[in-house]
Protein backbone atom coordinates (compact mmCIF):
# COMPACT_ATOMS: atom_id res chain seq x y z
CA MET A 1 101.16 198.22 105.65
CA ARG A 2 103.50 199.91 103.15
CA ILE A 3 106.55 201.80 104.41
CA ILE A 4 108.64 203.85 101.96
CA ASN A 5 110.88 206.96 101.83
CA TYR A 6 112.41 206.52 105.27
CA PHE A 7 115.96 207.55 106.21
CA SER A 8 116.78 205.09 108.98
CA ASN A 9 115.35 201.62 109.46
CA ALA A 10 111.73 201.28 108.41
CA ILE A 11 111.11 199.23 111.57
CA THR A 12 113.47 198.87 114.53
CA ILE A 13 112.98 196.39 117.38
CA THR A 14 115.19 197.53 120.27
CA ARG A 15 116.57 195.62 123.22
CA GLY A 16 113.92 194.37 125.59
CA ALA A 17 111.15 194.58 122.97
CA ASN A 18 110.97 190.81 122.58
CA SER A 19 108.45 188.48 120.88
CA THR A 20 107.24 191.01 118.31
CA LEU A 21 105.36 189.86 115.18
CA ILE A 22 105.99 191.77 111.94
CA ALA A 23 103.88 190.30 109.15
CA ASN A 24 102.58 191.01 105.66
CA ASN A 25 104.15 194.44 105.13
CA HIS A 26 105.64 196.00 101.99
CA ILE A 27 108.84 197.82 102.91
CA GLY A 28 111.10 200.00 100.73
CA PHE A 29 109.19 200.12 97.44
CA ALA A 30 105.91 201.03 95.75
CA PRO A 31 104.44 199.91 92.43
CA LEU A 32 104.43 202.29 89.49
CA ALA A 33 101.73 202.53 86.84
CA ALA A 34 103.50 200.26 84.36
CA PRO A 35 103.06 196.61 85.35
CA GLY A 36 106.20 195.09 86.86
CA THR A 37 107.89 198.43 87.60
CA TYR A 38 108.53 199.85 91.07
CA PHE A 39 109.62 202.99 92.88
CA ARG A 40 112.40 202.29 95.40
CA ASN A 41 113.19 203.99 98.67
CA VAL A 42 115.00 207.34 98.18
CA SER A 43 117.76 206.72 100.74
CA VAL A 44 119.79 203.52 100.66
CA SER A 45 122.62 204.47 103.01
CA PRO A 46 123.99 201.75 105.35
CA LEU A 47 121.66 203.16 108.02
CA CYS A 48 118.62 202.68 105.83
CA GLY A 49 117.57 199.08 106.43
CA GLY A 50 114.24 197.43 106.15
CA ILE A 51 113.95 195.87 109.61
CA GLY A 52 116.56 196.22 112.36
CA ILE A 53 116.50 193.84 115.34
CA GLN A 54 118.35 193.80 118.66
CA SER A 55 116.06 191.57 120.72
CA ASP A 56 114.82 187.98 121.07
CA GLY A 57 111.97 185.76 119.97
CA ASN A 58 110.60 187.93 117.18
CA VAL A 59 108.73 186.55 114.15
CA ILE A 60 109.23 188.23 110.76
CA ARG A 61 106.77 186.58 108.40
CA GLY A 62 105.24 187.18 104.97
CA ASN A 63 106.81 190.58 104.31
CA THR A 64 108.23 191.91 101.05
CA ILE A 65 111.37 193.95 101.69
CA SER A 66 113.07 195.52 98.68
CA GLY A 67 114.70 198.88 98.02
CA ALA A 68 116.67 199.03 101.29
CA PHE A 69 120.37 198.69 102.08
CA ASN A 70 120.18 195.43 104.07
CA ALA A 71 116.61 194.19 104.06
CA ILE A 72 116.95 192.73 107.56
CA MET A 73 119.76 193.52 109.98
CA VAL A 74 120.14 191.65 113.26
CA GLY A 75 122.69 192.25 116.01
CA GLU A 76 125.32 194.88 116.65
CA ASP A 77 127.36 196.79 114.07
CA VAL A 78 130.56 194.89 113.26
CA ASP A 79 132.20 197.88 111.54
CA THR A 80 131.96 200.51 114.31
CA PRO A 81 134.71 200.34 116.98
CA GLY A 82 133.24 199.98 120.45
CA ALA A 83 129.76 199.08 119.19
CA ILE A 84 130.01 195.43 120.20
CA THR A 85 128.93 194.88 123.80
CA GLY A 86 128.68 191.09 123.91
CA ALA A 87 124.87 191.10 123.96
CA ILE A 88 123.13 188.05 122.45
CA PHE A 89 120.11 188.22 120.13
CA LYS A 90 118.46 184.83 119.79
CA ASP A 91 115.42 182.75 118.84
CA ASN A 92 114.21 185.04 116.06
CA LEU A 93 112.29 183.46 113.15
CA PHE A 94 112.32 184.72 109.56
CA GLU A 95 109.92 182.82 107.30
CA GLY A 96 107.97 183.30 104.10
CA ASN A 97 109.42 186.70 103.21
CA MET A 98 110.20 188.04 99.73
CA ILE A 99 113.55 189.78 100.08
CA GLY A 100 114.89 191.56 97.01
CA THR A 101 111.92 190.78 94.76
CA ASP A 102 108.35 191.93 94.21
CA PRO A 103 105.58 190.41 96.34
CA THR A 104 105.10 187.51 93.92
CA GLY A 105 108.76 186.54 93.97
CA THR A 106 109.04 186.83 90.19
CA THR A 107 110.62 190.26 89.52
CA LYS A 108 113.81 191.83 90.88
CA ILE A 109 113.53 195.07 92.85
CA GLY A 110 116.71 194.55 94.82
CA ASN A 111 118.41 195.68 98.01
CA ASP A 112 121.73 197.53 97.83
CA SER A 113 123.58 195.10 100.08
CA ASP A 114 122.30 191.89 101.70
CA GLY A 115 118.97 190.20 102.06
CA ILE A 116 119.55 189.20 105.71
CA PHE A 117 122.65 190.42 107.57
CA PHE A 118 123.70 189.08 110.97
CA GLY A 119 126.10 191.33 112.87
CA ALA A 120 127.52 190.57 116.31
CA GLY A 121 125.64 188.51 118.86
CA CYS A 122 123.23 186.49 116.65
CA GLN A 123 122.64 183.00 118.00
CA LYS A 124 120.06 180.23 117.52
CA ASN A 125 118.00 182.16 114.97
CA LEU A 126 116.04 180.45 112.18
CA ILE A 127 116.14 181.80 108.62
CA GLY A 128 113.42 179.77 106.93
CA PRO A 129 111.47 178.17 105.67
CA GLY A 130 109.99 179.80 102.60
CA ASN A 131 112.02 182.97 102.19
CA VAL A 132 112.99 184.13 98.70
CA LEU A 133 116.39 185.84 98.97
CA SER A 134 117.11 187.02 95.44
CA GLY A 135 118.12 190.12 93.54
CA ASN A 136 120.27 191.58 96.34
CA ASP A 137 123.45 193.38 95.29
CA SER A 138 125.67 191.51 97.74
CA ALA A 139 124.47 188.24 99.31
CA GLY A 140 121.22 186.54 100.14
CA VAL A 141 122.39 185.88 103.72
CA GLU A 142 125.55 186.95 105.58
CA LEU A 143 126.76 185.86 109.03
CA LEU A 144 129.81 187.99 109.79
CA HIS A 145 130.95 187.74 113.39
CA SER A 146 132.59 185.15 115.61
CA SER A 147 129.65 185.38 118.03
CA ASN A 148 127.27 184.10 115.32
CA THR A 149 126.59 180.50 116.27
CA GLY A 150 123.74 178.01 116.24
CA ASN A 151 121.85 179.74 113.41
CA ILE A 152 120.03 177.62 110.82
CA ILE A 153 119.33 178.68 107.21
CA PHE A 154 116.85 176.22 105.72
CA GLY A 155 114.07 175.75 103.18
CA ASN A 156 114.76 178.98 101.28
CA THR A 157 115.10 179.91 97.62
CA VAL A 158 118.25 181.93 97.06
CA GLY A 159 119.08 183.57 93.73
CA LEU A 160 115.97 182.29 91.97
CA ASN A 161 112.32 183.20 91.64
CA ALA A 162 109.83 181.84 94.14
CA ALA A 163 109.03 178.84 91.93
CA GLY A 164 112.72 177.93 91.71
CA THR A 165 112.59 177.87 87.92
CA ASP A 166 114.42 181.04 86.79
CA ALA A 167 117.35 183.12 87.97
CA ILE A 168 117.09 186.37 89.96
CA PRO A 169 120.78 186.52 90.91
CA ASN A 170 122.33 187.95 94.01
CA GLY A 171 125.34 190.02 93.01
CA GLU A 172 127.98 188.15 94.99
CA LEU A 173 126.99 185.13 97.06
CA GLY A 174 124.02 183.07 98.04
CA VAL A 175 125.14 182.49 101.65
CA LEU A 176 128.29 183.82 103.35
CA ILE A 177 129.50 182.62 106.76
CA ALA A 178 132.78 184.31 107.69
CA ASN A 179 134.85 186.26 110.24
CA GLY A 180 134.80 183.39 112.72
CA ALA A 181 131.07 182.54 112.58
CA SER A 182 130.91 178.88 113.59
CA ASN A 183 128.51 176.02 114.31
CA ASN A 184 125.84 177.25 111.89
CA TRP A 185 123.79 175.15 109.46
CA VAL A 186 122.92 175.72 105.82
CA GLY A 187 120.20 173.13 105.36
CA GLY A 188 120.14 170.32 107.89
CA PRO A 189 120.51 166.60 108.52
CA SER A 190 118.60 164.37 106.12
CA GLY A 191 115.19 163.35 107.39
CA GLY A 192 115.16 166.13 109.98
CA VAL A 193 113.00 169.20 110.33
CA TYR A 194 115.37 171.54 108.46
CA PRO A 195 115.19 170.88 104.70
CA GLY A 196 117.86 172.22 102.39
CA ASN A 197 117.84 175.40 100.34
CA VAL A 198 117.94 175.99 96.59
CA ILE A 199 120.99 178.25 96.08
CA SER A 200 121.84 179.24 92.51
CA ALA A 201 122.71 182.01 90.06
CA SER A 202 124.68 184.34 92.38
CA GLY A 203 127.81 185.98 90.96
CA LEU A 204 130.71 184.62 93.05
CA GLY A 205 129.23 181.43 94.36
CA GLY A 206 126.57 179.52 96.23
CA VAL A 207 127.85 179.03 99.80
CA ALA A 208 131.10 180.52 101.08
CA ILE A 209 132.71 179.75 104.44
CA GLY A 210 135.46 182.12 105.65
CA THR A 211 135.93 183.45 102.15
CA ALA A 212 138.98 185.66 101.62
CA GLN A 213 137.11 188.30 99.62
CA PHE A 214 135.70 189.50 102.94
CA PRO A 215 138.69 189.58 105.33
CA GLY A 216 138.20 189.26 109.07
CA GLU A 217 139.00 186.74 111.73
CA ASP A 218 140.53 183.51 110.45
CA GLY A 219 138.52 180.33 110.68
CA SER A 220 134.78 179.89 110.50
CA ASN A 221 134.67 176.40 111.93
CA ASP A 222 132.29 173.47 112.49
CA ASN A 223 129.59 174.61 110.08
CA LEU A 224 127.25 172.20 108.27
CA ILE A 225 126.12 172.40 104.63
CA GLU A 226 123.61 169.62 103.98
CA GLY A 227 120.76 168.73 101.67
CA ASN A 228 120.94 171.79 99.42
CA LEU A 229 120.54 172.16 95.66
CA ILE A 230 123.42 174.39 94.58
CA GLY A 231 123.65 175.59 90.99
CA THR A 232 120.44 174.05 89.69
CA ASP A 233 116.74 174.77 89.57
CA ARG A 234 114.41 173.21 92.13
CA ALA A 235 113.50 170.35 89.78
CA GLU A 236 117.20 169.51 89.15
CA THR A 237 116.77 169.81 85.39
CA LYS A 238 119.12 172.68 84.45
CA THR A 239 121.75 175.07 85.68
CA LEU A 240 120.78 178.67 86.33
CA GLY A 241 123.05 181.71 86.26
CA THR A 242 126.84 181.73 86.30
CA GLN A 243 127.98 180.98 89.86
CA LEU A 244 131.76 180.62 89.91
CA SER A 245 131.83 177.81 92.47
CA GLY A 246 129.20 175.94 94.41
CA VAL A 247 130.84 175.78 97.84
CA THR A 248 133.99 177.66 98.84
CA ILE A 249 135.91 177.02 102.10
CA GLN A 250 138.80 179.43 102.80
CA ASN A 251 140.80 181.40 105.38
CA LYS A 252 141.84 178.47 107.58
CA SER A 253 138.26 177.37 108.15
CA LYS A 254 138.04 173.89 109.66
CA ARG A 255 135.68 170.98 110.17
CA THR A 256 132.97 172.04 107.75
CA VAL A 257 130.78 169.06 106.82
CA ILE A 258 129.44 169.17 103.24
CA ARG A 259 126.91 166.36 102.95
CA LYS A 260 124.18 165.21 100.56
CA ASN A 261 124.11 168.34 98.42
CA VAL A 262 123.61 168.53 94.66
CA ILE A 263 126.43 170.75 93.35
CA VAL A 264 126.30 171.24 89.58
CA GLY A 265 126.65 173.67 86.70
CA HIS A 266 129.29 176.07 88.02
CA VAL A 267 131.75 178.06 85.90
CA ASN A 268 134.70 176.79 87.94
CA HIS A 269 134.58 174.13 90.64
CA GLY A 270 131.81 172.34 92.43
CA VAL A 271 133.66 172.65 95.76
CA ALA A 272 136.82 174.73 96.29
CA LEU A 273 139.01 174.48 99.41
CA SER A 274 141.84 177.00 99.85
CA GLU A 275 143.96 177.10 103.01
CA ALA A 276 141.30 174.99 104.70
CA ALA A 277 141.84 171.97 106.92
CA SER A 278 139.95 168.98 108.30
CA ASN A 279 136.78 169.55 106.28
CA ALA A 280 134.73 166.59 105.03
CA MET A 281 132.49 165.83 102.04
CA TYR A 282 130.07 162.90 102.15
CA GLY A 283 127.26 161.70 99.91
CA ASN A 284 127.18 164.69 97.55
CA TRP A 285 126.23 164.67 93.88
CA ILE A 286 128.90 166.74 92.09
CA GLY A 287 128.44 167.27 88.35
CA VAL A 288 125.34 165.10 88.36
CA THR A 289 121.96 165.55 90.04
CA SER A 290 120.37 163.16 92.53
CA LYS A 291 118.02 162.18 89.70
CA GLY A 292 120.89 161.20 87.42
CA ALA A 293 120.93 164.22 85.07
CA THR A 294 124.44 165.27 84.00
CA ILE A 295 125.09 169.00 84.61
CA PRO A 296 128.89 169.49 84.50
CA ASN A 297 130.96 171.85 86.60
CA GLY A 298 133.35 173.85 84.45
CA SER A 299 136.59 172.77 86.12
CA PHE A 300 137.08 170.24 88.93
CA GLY A 301 134.39 168.60 91.00
CA VAL A 302 136.51 169.32 94.10
CA TYR A 303 139.53 171.66 93.99
CA LEU A 304 142.09 171.81 96.81
CA PHE A 305 144.79 174.50 97.10
CA ASP A 306 147.08 174.54 100.15
CA ALA A 307 144.46 172.36 101.84
CA THR A 308 145.34 169.71 104.42
CA ASN A 309 143.69 166.77 106.19
CA ASN A 310 140.42 167.08 104.30
CA THR A 311 138.24 164.05 103.52
CA VAL A 312 136.97 164.20 99.96
CA GLN A 313 135.77 160.64 99.82
CA LEU A 314 136.04 157.65 102.10
CA SER A 315 136.98 154.24 100.84
CA GLN A 316 134.03 151.90 100.58
CA SER A 317 135.23 149.84 103.55
CA ALA A 318 135.32 152.96 105.73
CA ALA A 319 132.02 154.45 104.56
CA SER A 320 129.16 154.29 107.02
CA VAL A 321 125.75 155.79 107.64
CA GLY A 322 126.10 159.57 107.49
CA LYS A 323 129.43 159.22 105.68
CA GLU A 324 128.29 157.94 102.30
CA ARG A 325 130.48 158.22 99.23
CA ASN A 326 130.17 161.16 96.87
CA VAL A 327 128.87 160.65 93.34
CA PHE A 328 131.04 162.45 90.78
CA GLY A 329 129.34 163.03 87.46
CA SER A 330 130.76 165.06 84.61
CA ASN A 331 133.30 167.69 85.73
CA LYS A 332 135.41 169.16 82.91
CA ASN A 333 138.84 168.67 84.50
CA GLY A 334 137.99 165.60 86.51
CA PRO A 335 136.58 164.78 89.94
CA VAL A 336 139.41 166.14 92.14
CA GLY A 337 142.33 168.53 91.60
CA LEU A 338 145.14 169.11 94.14
CA TYR A 339 147.42 172.16 93.88
CA GLY A 340 149.93 173.98 96.06
CA ALA A 341 150.78 172.46 99.42
CA SER A 342 147.76 170.19 99.61
CA THR A 343 148.80 167.32 101.86
CA ASP A 344 147.37 164.50 103.98
CA ASN A 345 143.95 164.60 102.34
CA VAL A 346 141.84 161.42 102.16
CA ILE A 347 140.76 160.83 98.58
CA ASP A 348 139.48 157.52 97.22
CA LEU A 349 137.84 157.66 93.82
CA THR A 350 137.01 153.99 93.53
CA PRO A 351 133.55 154.00 91.93
CA ALA A 352 130.78 153.71 94.47
CA PRO A 353 128.73 150.53 94.27
CA ALA A 354 125.49 150.88 92.39
CA PRO A 355 122.44 151.21 94.61
CA SER A 356 120.04 148.32 94.65
CA ARG A 357 116.60 148.82 93.11
CA LEU A 358 113.25 147.13 92.78
CA LEU A 359 113.53 143.94 90.76
CA ASN A 360 110.32 142.20 91.74
CA ILE A 361 107.01 142.83 93.49
CA SER A 362 104.49 140.19 94.42
CA THR A 363 101.19 140.56 96.23
CA ARG A 364 99.08 137.77 97.66
CA THR A 365 95.49 138.42 98.63
CA ARG A 366 91.97 137.26 97.89
CA VAL A 367 90.73 137.78 94.32
CA GLU A 368 87.06 138.65 94.00
CA VAL A 369 84.94 139.77 91.04
CA GLY A 370 84.35 143.22 89.53
CA ASP A 371 86.27 146.06 91.16
CA LYS A 372 87.49 143.63 93.85
CA ALA A 373 89.88 141.94 91.45
CA LEU A 374 93.59 142.04 92.31
CA ILE A 375 94.88 145.14 90.50
CA ALA A 376 98.54 146.16 90.35
CA GLY A 377 100.08 149.36 89.04
CA PHE A 378 103.74 149.96 88.29
CA ILE A 379 105.89 152.75 86.85
CA ILE A 380 108.90 152.39 84.58
CA THR A 381 111.32 155.32 84.74
CA GLY A 382 114.23 156.29 82.49
CA ASN A 383 114.34 156.84 78.76
CA LEU A 384 114.71 153.27 77.47
CA PRO A 385 112.31 150.32 77.34
CA LYS A 386 112.17 147.77 80.17
CA LYS A 387 111.48 144.04 79.74
CA VAL A 388 109.24 142.51 82.42
CA VAL A 389 107.40 139.28 83.10
CA ILE A 390 104.08 139.37 84.94
CA ARG A 391 102.72 136.21 86.57
CA GLY A 392 99.32 135.37 88.02
CA LEU A 393 99.66 132.33 90.29
CA SER A 394 96.90 130.33 91.96
CA THR A 395 96.84 126.52 92.15
CA SER A 396 100.61 126.23 92.72
CA LEU A 397 100.34 128.26 95.94
CA ASN A 398 99.21 125.15 97.82
CA ILE A 399 97.09 127.14 100.25
CA PRO A 400 93.43 126.60 101.21
CA GLY A 401 90.98 128.49 99.02
CA ALA A 402 93.42 129.21 96.20
CA LEU A 403 92.02 130.53 92.94
CA ALA A 404 91.40 127.63 90.56
CA ASP A 405 92.25 129.36 87.26
CA ALA A 406 93.89 132.79 87.05
CA THR A 407 93.76 135.27 84.17
CA LEU A 408 95.84 138.41 83.54
CA GLU A 409 95.14 141.63 81.65
CA LEU A 410 97.95 144.17 81.15
CA ASN A 411 96.81 147.62 80.05
CA THR A 412 99.23 149.43 77.73
CA PRO A 413 98.95 152.53 75.52
CA GLU A 414 98.71 150.21 72.52
CA GLY A 415 95.83 148.30 74.06
CA PRO A 416 95.32 145.45 76.55
CA ILE A 417 97.38 142.24 76.57
CA PHE A 418 95.40 139.25 77.87
CA ASN A 419 96.48 135.81 79.00
CA ASP A 420 94.51 132.90 80.40
CA ASP A 421 96.79 129.86 80.50
CA TRP A 422 100.48 130.75 80.08
CA LYS A 423 101.24 127.97 77.58
CA SER A 424 98.57 129.26 75.21
CA GLN A 425 100.70 132.30 74.26
CA GLN A 426 104.38 133.25 74.57
CA GLU A 427 105.36 129.86 76.01
CA GLN A 428 108.90 130.07 74.64
CA ALA A 429 109.46 133.63 75.92
CA ILE A 430 108.03 132.77 79.32
CA ARG A 431 110.25 129.70 79.64
CA ALA A 432 113.25 131.81 78.58
CA SER A 433 112.57 134.16 81.49
CA GLY A 434 113.54 131.31 83.83
CA ILE A 435 110.40 131.60 85.92
CA PRO A 436 107.50 129.90 84.10
CA PRO A 437 104.45 129.21 86.30
CA ALA A 438 104.28 125.73 87.80
CA SER A 439 100.65 125.12 86.81
CA ASP A 440 99.26 125.14 83.28
CA LEU A 441 96.16 126.99 84.58
CA GLU A 442 98.22 129.94 85.75
CA SER A 443 98.94 133.01 83.62
CA ALA A 444 101.98 134.99 82.51
CA ILE A 445 102.85 137.83 80.14
CA VAL A 446 106.29 138.89 78.87
CA ALA A 447 106.38 142.48 77.60
CA THR A 448 108.95 145.11 76.69
CA LEU A 449 107.44 148.40 77.86
CA GLN A 450 108.30 152.02 77.27
CA PRO A 451 108.76 154.28 80.32
CA GLY A 452 105.38 155.15 81.81
CA ALA A 453 102.62 153.94 84.11
CA TYR A 454 100.90 150.58 83.68
CA THR A 455 98.17 148.54 85.38
CA VAL A 456 97.55 144.80 85.36
CA ALA A 457 94.45 143.00 86.67
CA MET A 458 94.30 139.43 87.95
CA ARG A 459 90.89 137.76 87.93
CA GLY A 460 89.42 134.30 88.33
CA LYS A 461 88.29 132.65 85.10
CA ASP A 462 84.51 132.64 84.61
CA GLY A 463 84.02 134.80 87.71
CA SER A 464 85.68 132.41 90.13
CA THR A 465 87.20 133.69 93.38
CA GLY A 466 89.99 132.69 95.74
CA ALA A 467 93.48 133.57 96.93
CA GLY A 468 95.95 134.60 94.23
CA LEU A 469 99.50 135.89 93.83
CA LEU A 470 100.34 138.62 91.31
CA GLU A 471 104.01 139.24 90.47
CA VAL A 472 105.99 141.69 88.33
CA TYR A 473 109.66 140.87 87.61
CA ASP A 474 112.37 143.04 86.06
CA LEU A 475 114.05 140.84 83.42
CA ASP A 476 116.76 143.36 82.53
CA SER A 477 118.14 144.87 85.72
CA ALA A 478 121.21 146.21 83.89
CA ALA A 479 119.12 148.51 81.67
CA PRO A 480 119.02 152.22 82.61
CA ALA A 481 115.23 152.05 82.90
CA ALA A 482 113.91 150.93 86.28
CA LEU A 483 110.81 149.88 88.17
CA ALA A 484 110.35 152.97 90.32
CA ASN A 485 107.24 152.00 92.23
CA ILE A 486 104.64 149.28 92.31
CA SER A 487 101.21 149.22 93.95
CA THR A 488 98.54 146.57 94.38
CA ARG A 489 94.88 146.92 95.33
CA GLY A 490 92.89 144.04 96.71
CA ILE A 491 90.81 142.59 99.54
CA VAL A 492 92.37 142.65 103.01
CA GLN A 493 90.86 140.06 105.34
CA THR A 494 92.09 138.41 108.55
CA GLY A 495 94.42 135.55 109.46
CA ASP A 496 96.05 134.01 106.40
CA ASN A 497 94.01 136.29 104.14
CA VAL A 498 95.69 139.59 105.01
CA MET A 499 97.41 141.32 102.09
CA ILE A 500 101.03 140.19 101.74
CA ALA A 501 103.33 142.12 99.38
CA GLY A 502 106.85 140.91 98.70
CA PHE A 503 109.59 142.81 96.91
CA ILE A 504 113.21 142.20 95.99
CA LEU A 505 115.96 144.83 95.99
CA GLY A 506 118.91 143.94 93.78
CA GLY A 507 120.91 144.91 90.71
CA GLY A 508 123.50 146.67 92.90
CA GLN A 509 125.46 146.28 96.12
CA ALA A 510 124.54 149.48 97.96
CA GLU A 511 121.56 150.15 100.17
CA SER A 512 118.43 151.69 98.71
CA ARG A 513 115.72 153.82 100.28
CA VAL A 514 112.13 152.64 99.93
CA VAL A 515 108.75 153.92 101.03
CA VAL A 516 105.99 151.39 101.71
CA ARG A 517 102.43 152.66 102.14
CA ALA A 518 99.18 150.96 103.15
CA LEU A 519 96.10 152.91 102.10
CA GLY A 520 92.40 152.46 102.86
CA PRO A 521 90.41 155.56 103.87
CA SER A 522 91.59 157.53 100.82
CA LEU A 523 90.27 154.74 98.58
CA GLY A 524 86.84 155.20 100.11
CA LYS A 525 86.95 158.92 99.43
CA ALA A 526 87.87 158.08 95.84
CA GLY A 527 84.71 155.99 95.46
CA VAL A 528 86.03 152.47 96.19
CA SER A 529 83.37 150.51 98.07
CA ASN A 530 84.12 148.79 101.39
CA ALA A 531 87.51 150.44 101.75
CA LEU A 532 89.67 149.35 104.68
CA ASP A 533 88.99 151.78 107.54
CA ASP A 534 92.32 151.66 109.36
CA PRO A 535 95.21 149.72 107.79
CA THR A 536 98.30 148.60 109.68
CA LEU A 537 101.67 147.84 108.09
CA GLN A 538 104.60 145.60 108.97
CA LEU A 539 107.86 145.27 107.03
CA VAL A 540 109.91 142.10 107.58
CA ASP A 541 113.10 140.78 105.98
CA SER A 542 113.78 137.38 104.41
CA ASN A 543 114.49 135.89 107.85
CA GLY A 544 111.12 136.99 109.14
CA THR A 545 112.69 139.66 111.35
CA LEU A 546 110.56 142.76 111.81
CA VAL A 547 112.29 145.75 110.19
CA ARG A 548 109.65 148.33 111.10
CA ALA A 549 105.94 148.59 111.81
CA ASN A 550 103.47 151.47 111.54
CA ASP A 551 99.82 152.05 112.33
CA ASN A 552 99.17 155.73 111.57
CA TRP A 553 101.84 157.43 109.44
CA GLN A 554 101.88 160.65 111.47
CA ASP A 555 102.88 158.84 114.69
CA ASP A 556 106.61 159.15 113.89
CA ALA A 557 107.67 162.82 113.58
CA ALA A 558 110.98 162.10 111.86
CA GLN A 559 109.27 159.85 109.33
CA VAL A 560 106.59 162.48 108.69
CA THR A 561 109.32 164.94 107.70
CA GLN A 562 110.89 162.43 105.31
CA LEU A 563 107.56 161.60 103.69
CA ASN A 564 106.70 165.27 103.28
CA ASN A 565 110.12 166.02 101.78
CA ILE A 566 109.80 163.11 99.34
CA GLY A 567 106.27 164.25 98.50
CA ILE A 568 104.36 161.00 99.00
CA SER A 569 102.69 161.40 102.39
CA PRO A 570 99.38 159.53 102.70
CA SER A 571 96.38 161.85 102.51
CA GLU A 572 94.55 160.32 105.49
CA PRO A 573 95.89 160.17 109.09
CA LEU A 574 94.72 156.56 109.64
CA GLU A 575 96.79 155.25 106.74
CA SER A 576 100.22 153.71 107.26
CA ALA A 577 103.68 154.31 105.81
CA ILE A 578 107.26 153.22 106.42
CA VAL A 579 110.47 154.84 105.17
CA ALA A 580 113.46 152.52 105.33
CA THR A 581 116.98 152.31 103.88
CA LEU A 582 117.53 148.63 103.10
CA PRO A 583 120.38 146.43 101.86
CA PRO A 584 119.79 144.20 98.83
CA GLY A 585 117.49 141.31 99.62
CA ALA A 586 113.92 140.09 99.82
CA TYR A 587 111.31 141.82 101.97
CA THR A 588 107.65 141.35 102.84
CA ALA A 589 105.07 144.02 103.66
CA ILE A 590 102.00 142.80 105.56
CA VAL A 591 98.83 144.88 105.41
CA ALA A 592 96.03 144.13 107.86
CA GLY A 593 92.99 145.89 109.24
CA LYS A 594 93.34 147.27 112.75
CA ASN A 595 91.43 145.23 115.34
CA GLY A 596 90.65 142.52 112.77
CA THR A 597 88.73 144.70 110.33
CA SER A 598 88.61 143.92 106.61
CA GLY A 599 88.05 145.78 103.36
CA THR A 600 89.72 146.89 100.15
CA GLY A 601 93.27 148.14 100.64
CA LEU A 602 96.22 149.34 98.58
CA VAL A 603 99.85 148.53 99.24
CA GLU A 604 102.58 150.55 97.50
CA VAL A 605 106.36 150.23 97.31
CA TYR A 606 108.39 153.21 96.08
CA ASN A 607 112.12 153.25 95.30
CA VAL A 608 113.18 156.82 96.19
CA PRO A 609 116.49 158.75 96.19
């Protein structure tokens, strides 16, 4: 339905009219003959909103609302004396709407004030996921009353097009929480069900708490800003627009937690605190993206003016889970600036320890002929070459049924590199690696490889079969390039002939997050014969202690959310996956068939941010 040329709200949901669905409407505009041009609603007075709500449990989904004053208004009027009764409006859901743009989310039409405005009485409402809140003259979202609490703004694109690639700025702010609004979330805890937003390109800033440009009650307290991309595009490759500051905390606001956000590319500061107390910043990337790209802020990473008792960064000895150290990249005037009466703040700029990363992967399983050979794939990331050694071990394993004579074939863009017995080629380079094979009949290859994806196959000489061990080692862990993920495909049997993948995390002192996957059914759908029907996965440490186990990856709801957010969920429900944050050390992943089944399986280890 299209609604245009109205003089009050296009749609009003009054008190008592709960649990209403409003979906797939075009409100406040109409297309003109010329492509990309639109006719806007005639009246845009403050009374002329898109959708007005004073009730509970409504769902506003898939609408395009442009050409209004506020596209969506919830609650009671905060500007009219006597209008506030103390009524509560809760449990409303706003998802998948285009607010301020055309229906494709690519062209600005605009609203004359806010995208979504919460007046008095708005509690426990969900803004997200999937809204585009861009092209509005004021803010994408505003929460402007002390009764606004428990609201969550998550999974939205604010100030950009729907793809998150180009700017469609809001005139003032991405998100504003002020006038005493407290205990609200912008984004949500890592690994939870409320992913962060992309908030960029708005005029004054990304997220503002208690900002002084909009005076009201002092102190919007206990809000959370977590997991958002602020100032960058969705891919974290560039800055968009000219936001003055990423996050602003003002007007005596307290106890805001700013955690695990990317805050880059602002004209002034990444984070600015003015007359704010007891706020905390943990695990943010400020002036650098989570992927390591430098996108400077134009002044300080964090700026404090008349700010007291704030925690900018914990010392390493005090840091703990949920209170990780911030990463300060390139900020023009430095990481932190203190001005005015800024006292009793906790600031420790000792460089954070480097995270550990994959240094080695090894997989032991049975080596057969043809497409049942042991095949490993690995990816080198970065922009510089990486030196590796690959080993194919057999007779030195000292296990029953070991492969008698192993060969290796590394596939590169320049062509394959083959080795039968390691002393026949590169003996000096292999010895220099410090890890030459113990048997002359085993194979090894030393190669310096450009960033990219590679595969290596281990086979038995002359078609022989048996148990084998295939390893890939990083010989230059200090280089900026890294082994980002490694996978191995082979035969999974029972007992001692299950697939055993070992990996080493090192090259740094900090913990690192990994994803381990065990695949089978998806191999069958890809044409691999005798694929493992139902793989199981165990992850153990160097002491043999079980870290985590998984049968079907969808069994753990929190892990499902993490896998989906990372973007590497298995495609089949019977496949297994584990997400774990691990300290440096050696680990083993054991892949078996459920109930003693066997078949071809694939084990993968990813090093993820």
